[in-house]
Amino acid sequence: MFKIYRFFEYRDLDELIPEFLYYYLFEGLILKDIEEKFYGSREYKGWLSKSLLNYYGVDTSGENKGLYNGRSIQSVVDELSTSNDMAHLRIAHILKKKYL
């Protein structure tokens, strides 16, 4: 049998994505720390967090980490909502749905 990831057994993906976005973009947590925060493990070495954030258009090469630190979610959602980029609009929608 193939190895399975237990990462998604605990919570629905729709609940996880906004929190991963928040902790990466607002709190500036590194990818391994995000996984440890939610699952108490660094087993996946940040790979799963990276994959999810990248899927939603967030470049995790480093410059976006903590990009919105010190800003309100509302101000970031307002800013992203004015963009013509679908990734920005999608993230604005996700954050708004969860936090506002």
N, C-alpha and C. Protein backbone atom coordinates (compact mmCIF):
# COMPACT_ATOMS: atom_id res chain seq x y z
N MET A 1 0.84 -1.19 0.00
CA MET A 1 0.00 0.00 0.00
C MET A 1 0.88 1.25 0.00
N PHE A 2 0.34 2.35 -0.52
CA PHE A 2 1.09 3.59 -0.57
C PHE A 2 0.96 4.35 0.74
N LYS A 3 1.96 5.17 0.99
CA LYS A 3 1.97 6.01 2.20
C LYS A 3 0.92 7.11 2.04
N ILE A 4 0.21 7.39 3.11
CA ILE A 4 -0.77 8.47 3.07
C ILE A 4 -0.35 9.59 4.01
N TYR A 5 -0.78 10.81 3.69
CA TYR A 5 -0.53 11.95 4.55
C TYR A 5 -1.68 12.07 5.54
N ARG A 6 -1.35 12.13 6.79
CA ARG A 6 -2.36 12.28 7.84
C ARG A 6 -2.69 13.75 8.08
N PHE A 7 -2.07 14.59 7.32
CA PHE A 7 -2.18 16.03 7.50
C PHE A 7 -3.61 16.53 7.42
N PHE A 8 -4.43 15.94 6.56
CA PHE A 8 -5.77 16.45 6.33
C PHE A 8 -6.85 15.71 7.09
N GLU A 9 -6.50 14.78 7.92
CA GLU A 9 -7.49 14.01 8.67
C GLU A 9 -8.17 14.82 9.76
N TYR A 10 -7.52 15.85 10.23
CA TYR A 10 -7.97 16.53 11.44
C TYR A 10 -8.98 17.64 11.18
N ARG A 11 -8.88 18.30 10.04
CA ARG A 11 -9.75 19.44 9.76
C ARG A 11 -10.03 19.53 8.27
N ASP A 12 -11.11 20.16 7.95
CA ASP A 12 -11.49 20.39 6.57
C ASP A 12 -10.52 21.40 5.94
N LEU A 13 -10.22 21.20 4.70
CA LEU A 13 -9.30 22.09 3.98
C LEU A 13 -9.81 23.51 3.94
N ASP A 14 -11.12 23.69 3.85
CA ASP A 14 -11.69 25.04 3.83
C ASP A 14 -11.44 25.80 5.13
N GLU A 15 -11.23 25.08 6.21
CA GLU A 15 -10.90 25.71 7.49
C GLU A 15 -9.40 26.00 7.58
N LEU A 16 -8.60 25.13 7.00
CA LEU A 16 -7.15 25.26 7.10
C LEU A 16 -6.58 26.38 6.24
N ILE A 17 -7.05 26.51 5.03
CA ILE A 17 -6.45 27.46 4.09
C ILE A 17 -6.41 28.89 4.64
N PRO A 18 -7.52 29.43 5.15
CA PRO A 18 -7.43 30.80 5.66
C PRO A 18 -6.45 30.94 6.83
N GLU A 19 -6.36 29.91 7.64
CA GLU A 19 -5.44 29.99 8.78
C GLU A 19 -3.99 29.90 8.32
N PHE A 20 -3.72 29.05 7.34
CA PHE A 20 -2.37 28.98 6.78
C PHE A 20 -2.00 30.33 6.16
N LEU A 21 -2.93 30.91 5.41
CA LEU A 21 -2.69 32.22 4.82
C LEU A 21 -2.41 33.25 5.90
N TYR A 22 -3.22 33.25 6.95
CA TYR A 22 -3.05 34.23 8.03
C TYR A 22 -1.68 34.07 8.71
N TYR A 23 -1.36 32.85 9.09
CA TYR A 23 -0.10 32.65 9.83
C TYR A 23 1.13 32.89 8.97
N TYR A 24 1.02 32.69 7.68
CA TYR A 24 2.17 32.96 6.81
C TYR A 24 2.26 34.45 6.45
N LEU A 25 1.17 35.03 5.98
CA LEU A 25 1.20 36.40 5.49
C LEU A 25 1.16 37.45 6.60
N PHE A 26 0.44 37.17 7.68
CA PHE A 26 0.29 38.17 8.74
C PHE A 26 1.23 37.93 9.91
N GLU A 27 1.36 36.69 10.35
CA GLU A 27 2.21 36.39 11.50
C GLU A 27 3.66 36.11 11.11
N GLY A 28 3.89 35.74 9.87
CA GLY A 28 5.25 35.50 9.40
C GLY A 28 5.84 34.18 9.86
N LEU A 29 4.99 33.20 10.18
CA LEU A 29 5.52 31.90 10.60
C LEU A 29 6.16 31.20 9.41
N ILE A 30 7.24 30.48 9.67
CA ILE A 30 7.83 29.66 8.62
C ILE A 30 6.94 28.45 8.39
N LEU A 31 7.09 27.83 7.25
CA LEU A 31 6.21 26.74 6.85
C LEU A 31 6.20 25.59 7.84
N LYS A 32 7.35 25.22 8.36
CA LYS A 32 7.42 24.12 9.34
C LYS A 32 6.67 24.49 10.62
N ASP A 33 6.75 25.74 11.01
CA ASP A 33 6.06 26.19 12.23
C ASP A 33 4.55 26.17 12.07
N ILE A 34 4.07 26.46 10.86
CA ILE A 34 2.63 26.39 10.61
C ILE A 34 2.15 24.96 10.82
N GLU A 35 2.87 24.01 10.25
CA GLU A 35 2.49 22.61 10.41
C GLU A 35 2.59 22.16 11.86
N GLU A 36 3.62 22.60 12.55
CA GLU A 36 3.76 22.23 13.95
C GLU A 36 2.62 22.82 14.79
N LYS A 37 2.22 24.04 14.46
CA LYS A 37 1.14 24.70 15.20
C LYS A 37 -0.17 23.91 15.09
N PHE A 38 -0.46 23.41 13.92
CA PHE A 38 -1.72 22.72 13.71
C PHE A 38 -1.66 21.22 13.98
N TYR A 39 -0.50 20.63 13.82
CA TYR A 39 -0.41 19.17 13.91
C TYR A 39 0.63 18.67 14.89
N GLY A 40 1.34 19.58 15.55
CA GLY A 40 2.32 19.16 16.53
C GLY A 40 3.46 18.35 15.94
N SER A 41 3.72 18.55 14.66
CA SER A 41 4.75 17.77 13.98
C SER A 41 5.42 18.60 12.89
N ARG A 42 6.68 18.31 12.69
CA ARG A 42 7.43 18.89 11.57
C ARG A 42 7.76 17.79 10.56
N GLU A 43 7.02 16.71 10.63
CA GLU A 43 7.28 15.54 9.81
C GLU A 43 7.35 15.86 8.32
N TYR A 44 6.51 16.78 7.86
CA TYR A 44 6.46 17.07 6.43
C TYR A 44 7.40 18.20 6.02
N LYS A 45 8.15 18.74 6.99
CA LYS A 45 9.22 19.72 6.74
C LYS A 45 8.75 20.96 5.98
N GLY A 46 7.49 21.33 6.17
CA GLY A 46 6.95 22.52 5.53
C GLY A 46 6.44 22.29 4.12
N TRP A 47 6.65 21.08 3.62
CA TRP A 47 6.28 20.79 2.23
C TRP A 47 4.77 20.92 2.00
N LEU A 48 3.96 20.43 2.91
CA LEU A 48 2.51 20.51 2.72
C LEU A 48 2.01 21.95 2.81
N SER A 49 2.53 22.70 3.75
CA SER A 49 2.16 24.11 3.86
C SER A 49 2.54 24.85 2.59
N LYS A 50 3.73 24.60 2.12
CA LYS A 50 4.23 25.23 0.90
C LYS A 50 3.32 24.89 -0.28
N SER A 51 2.97 23.62 -0.41
CA SER A 51 2.13 23.20 -1.54
C SER A 51 0.77 23.89 -1.51
N LEU A 52 0.16 23.97 -0.34
CA LEU A 52 -1.15 24.61 -0.24
C LEU A 52 -1.07 26.10 -0.53
N LEU A 53 -0.11 26.77 0.06
CA LEU A 53 0.02 28.21 -0.17
C LEU A 53 0.35 28.49 -1.63
N ASN A 54 1.24 27.72 -2.21
CA ASN A 54 1.58 27.90 -3.63
C ASN A 54 0.37 27.66 -4.52
N TYR A 55 -0.43 26.66 -4.19
CA TYR A 55 -1.63 26.37 -4.97
C TYR A 55 -2.56 27.59 -5.02
N TYR A 56 -2.63 28.33 -3.92
CA TYR A 56 -3.48 29.51 -3.86
C TYR A 56 -2.78 30.77 -4.35
N GLY A 57 -1.60 30.61 -4.92
CA GLY A 57 -0.91 31.71 -5.55
C GLY A 57 0.07 32.47 -4.69
N VAL A 58 0.31 32.00 -3.48
CA VAL A 58 1.25 32.68 -2.59
C VAL A 58 2.65 32.12 -2.81
N ASP A 59 3.56 32.97 -3.26
CA ASP A 59 4.95 32.57 -3.45
C ASP A 59 5.59 32.44 -2.07
N THR A 60 6.07 31.26 -1.75
CA THR A 60 6.64 31.00 -0.42
C THR A 60 8.17 31.04 -0.42
N SER A 61 8.75 31.73 -1.39
CA SER A 61 10.21 31.81 -1.43
C SER A 61 10.77 32.72 -0.34
N GLY A 62 9.92 33.44 0.37
CA GLY A 62 10.38 34.19 1.53
C GLY A 62 9.90 35.62 1.62
N GLU A 63 9.81 36.32 0.50
CA GLU A 63 9.49 37.74 0.59
C GLU A 63 8.04 38.02 1.02
N ASN A 64 7.16 37.05 0.87
CA ASN A 64 5.77 37.23 1.30
C ASN A 64 5.54 36.88 2.77
N LYS A 65 6.49 36.20 3.37
CA LYS A 65 6.35 35.79 4.78
C LYS A 65 6.27 37.03 5.66
N GLY A 66 5.14 37.17 6.35
CA GLY A 66 4.94 38.32 7.24
C GLY A 66 4.71 39.63 6.50
N LEU A 67 4.39 39.56 5.24
CA LEU A 67 4.20 40.75 4.42
C LEU A 67 3.18 41.72 5.03
N TYR A 68 2.14 41.19 5.63
CA TYR A 68 1.08 42.03 6.18
C TYR A 68 1.13 42.14 7.70
N ASN A 69 2.26 41.83 8.28
CA ASN A 69 2.43 41.92 9.72
C ASN A 69 2.11 43.34 10.19
N GLY A 70 1.26 43.44 11.20
CA GLY A 70 0.91 44.75 11.76
C GLY A 70 -0.26 45.41 11.07
N ARG A 71 -0.77 44.80 10.01
CA ARG A 71 -1.93 45.37 9.31
C ARG A 71 -3.19 44.60 9.67
N SER A 72 -4.31 45.26 9.56
CA SER A 72 -5.57 44.59 9.84
C SER A 72 -5.97 43.72 8.65
N ILE A 73 -6.71 42.69 8.94
CA ILE A 73 -7.21 41.82 7.87
C ILE A 73 -8.11 42.65 6.94
N GLN A 74 -8.92 43.51 7.51
CA GLN A 74 -9.83 44.33 6.70
C GLN A 74 -9.06 45.18 5.69
N SER A 75 -7.97 45.83 6.12
CA SER A 75 -7.22 46.68 5.19
C SER A 75 -6.57 45.87 4.08
N VAL A 76 -6.11 44.67 4.41
CA VAL A 76 -5.49 43.80 3.41
C VAL A 76 -6.55 43.29 2.43
N VAL A 77 -7.69 42.88 2.94
CA VAL A 77 -8.79 42.42 2.07
C VAL A 77 -9.20 43.55 1.13
N ASP A 78 -9.33 44.76 1.67
CA ASP A 78 -9.70 45.91 0.84
C ASP A 78 -8.68 46.14 -0.27
N GLU A 79 -7.40 46.06 0.08
CA GLU A 79 -6.33 46.26 -0.90
C GLU A 79 -6.34 45.17 -1.97
N LEU A 80 -6.41 43.92 -1.53
CA LEU A 80 -6.39 42.80 -2.48
C LEU A 80 -7.62 42.82 -3.39
N SER A 81 -8.73 43.31 -2.89
CA SER A 81 -9.97 43.34 -3.66
C SER A 81 -9.92 44.31 -4.83
N THR A 82 -8.97 45.22 -4.82
CA THR A 82 -8.84 46.18 -5.91
C THR A 82 -7.93 45.66 -7.03
N SER A 83 -7.32 44.52 -6.81
CA SER A 83 -6.39 43.95 -7.79
C SER A 83 -7.14 43.33 -8.97
N ASN A 84 -6.46 43.25 -10.08
CA ASN A 84 -6.98 42.54 -11.25
C ASN A 84 -6.48 41.11 -11.30
N ASP A 85 -5.63 40.75 -10.35
CA ASP A 85 -5.03 39.41 -10.31
C ASP A 85 -5.97 38.44 -9.59
N MET A 86 -6.28 37.33 -10.24
CA MET A 86 -7.21 36.36 -9.66
C MET A 86 -6.71 35.78 -8.34
N ALA A 87 -5.41 35.59 -8.19
CA ALA A 87 -4.87 35.06 -6.93
C ALA A 87 -5.14 36.03 -5.79
N HIS A 88 -4.96 37.33 -6.03
CA HIS A 88 -5.24 38.32 -4.99
C HIS A 88 -6.72 38.32 -4.63
N LEU A 89 -7.57 38.27 -5.66
CA LEU A 89 -9.01 38.28 -5.42
C LEU A 89 -9.47 37.03 -4.66
N ARG A 90 -8.89 35.89 -5.01
CA ARG A 90 -9.25 34.64 -4.32
C ARG A 90 -8.84 34.69 -2.86
N ILE A 91 -7.65 35.19 -2.56
CA ILE A 91 -7.19 35.27 -1.18
C ILE A 91 -8.02 36.29 -0.40
N ALA A 92 -8.37 37.40 -1.04
CA ALA A 92 -9.25 38.38 -0.38
C ALA A 92 -10.57 37.72 -0.01
N HIS A 93 -11.12 36.93 -0.92
CA HIS A 93 -12.39 36.24 -0.65
C HIS A 93 -12.25 35.24 0.50
N ILE A 94 -11.18 34.47 0.49
CA ILE A 94 -10.95 33.47 1.54
C ILE A 94 -10.82 34.13 2.91
N LEU A 95 -10.02 35.19 2.98
CA LEU A 95 -9.82 35.88 4.26
C LEU A 95 -11.12 36.54 4.73
N LYS A 96 -11.82 37.14 3.81
CA LYS A 96 -13.08 37.80 4.17
C LYS A 96 -14.11 36.80 4.69
N LYS A 97 -14.21 35.69 4.03
CA LYS A 97 -15.18 34.66 4.42
C LYS A 97 -14.89 34.12 5.83
N LYS A 98 -13.63 33.96 6.16
CA LYS A 98 -13.24 33.38 7.45
C LYS A 98 -13.23 34.43 8.58
N TYR A 99 -12.70 35.60 8.31
CA TYR A 99 -12.39 36.52 9.41
C TYR A 99 -13.28 37.78 9.48
N LEU A 100 -14.01 38.09 8.42
CA LEU A 100 -14.79 39.35 8.46
C LEU A 100 -16.28 39.10 8.36
